[in-house]
Amino acid sequence: MADNATIQRATETRAIRHQVADAGDEKILRIVALLDEKSAPAGAQAILDPLRPRLAALRPPRPLRFERLLFMPFGSLVVPVLDWRPGKAVIPRSVLMAFGQTVRAGLGPAAADINRIIQDKTTHDTAAIMEAGEILWPGAATCLARTPAPIGWAATGLPDTVYADLARAIASVLRRAQDLRGMVRDAVIGATGPNEAALRRLFDGIAKESVEGCGMLVALLLEELPHAATHLRMLLAAGSGTPEWAILRQTMDRGVDDLLTQMEHPTGFDDKIRNAPLHEIGQEVARISALLRDIEAEADTAKHRPRLHAIRTKLDALCRQRFDTGLTERLVAPLASPTRAVDSAAQSGMETSVRDLRLLETAARDIGSAGHYRAQLEKATATVSAAAAAGILTPVRQVRLVELLAGPEAADALYRSLRTA
């Protein structure tokens, strides 16, 4: 039977979870910072679990702890334990501490070197992540491939029988973590996708790995890289009939199905579109749109067509909502209810916001509702003209905003009319 202290802690945790469920971004960031200062990760996990989608969108800096660094290559594949089942290409969050302790013990003196590198660093310190990851991820892969006796497994709430399969699957990804992160970095700086040599290197020897490990690798590629599905199909075509082809075909089908299921979930990409910083939304929508197009290009796409249509419909609605909210809050409202003339700081903020919104609009037009965005931009342009007429905007600032909202031709026409006047 639980003692009074345990019952009280559980009651306090439930109360805190209830309080933060509808909290604003600033309050959530303060709570996360406070919890990160504590030394009770289990209690913090119970409070933060409902907020994971919003944290993924906000991406606050977190202390770069050993376990957090170990599982960085897995991204959104780390899920609440209730969302996990044996054979699924995801990792239950409850096992992170146990695997971290097991790897730490298996690495021996190297663990001290890793701790030295990450001391006082955060998840935003890219150089420290790469330096420590070069030691940790290959070493952890070697350690877990041997499936040593786990440390602290009783606290995971899972049976001992699932440990070995999870360990081997995790090792499969960690063995390739550096190559995978290199591909993701290339995508961030504008590459269209992994080159064929890098992709072949990533899947070299994959037939020797577990199905779950291969599934995790395919799921990460599909989620992180633009046009990954196209590149995987090319790899399949080149290796038809080999043992690697068979396992890759199986796991790619499963990976696409799992990814669509994730997108269909209420917390799929909803929280990211609603809560991520405005300057990141356009890139995220473009990534999702490219992924949906790649899945549609599959030869047997007919079986996915109803699901793809529903996902596109949901994404279209989310994009319109975020665009309309951003346009109102960042431009229309400040100009419609002015207390004084727009100064250079306010002008700069509005220009930045409009650029971000146009990036979102450009990506979202591939999903649908082009007419909606055109109408909203026209209304915003009219608001700018009204603000200029009221003396809130100087002619130069009016022309600049019109150029961003309606294009250079509209701005040139406005400039000529102002000169004439």
Foldseek 3Di string as FASTA:
>chain_A
DDDPVVVVLVVVLVVLLVVCLPDDPVVVVVVLVVVLVDDDVVSVCSSCQSVVLLCLQAVDWGQPDQLCLQCVLLPPLAHDPVPDDPPALGHHVLCSVQLSVQLCVQLPPLNVVLCVLRVPHTPVPVVSSVVSLVSRLQSSLVSLQVVDDIDPPVRSVDDPVRSNLVSQLSSLCSNCSVLLVVQLVCVVVPDQGDDLVSVCVSLVPVLVGDLSNLLSVLLSRLQRHFLSLVSLVVVLVVDPPDSSNVSSVVSNVVSVVVLLVLLPDPSRCLSNLQNHPLLCNLVNLLRVLRSLVSCCPDPPSPVCVVSSLVSLVVVLVSLLVSLLVLCVVLALVCLVDDPAADDPVSLVSSLVSLLSSVSSLVSSVSSHDVVSLLVVLVVRLVSLVVSVVVVNYPLVSNLSVCCSSPNDVVSVVSVVVVVVD
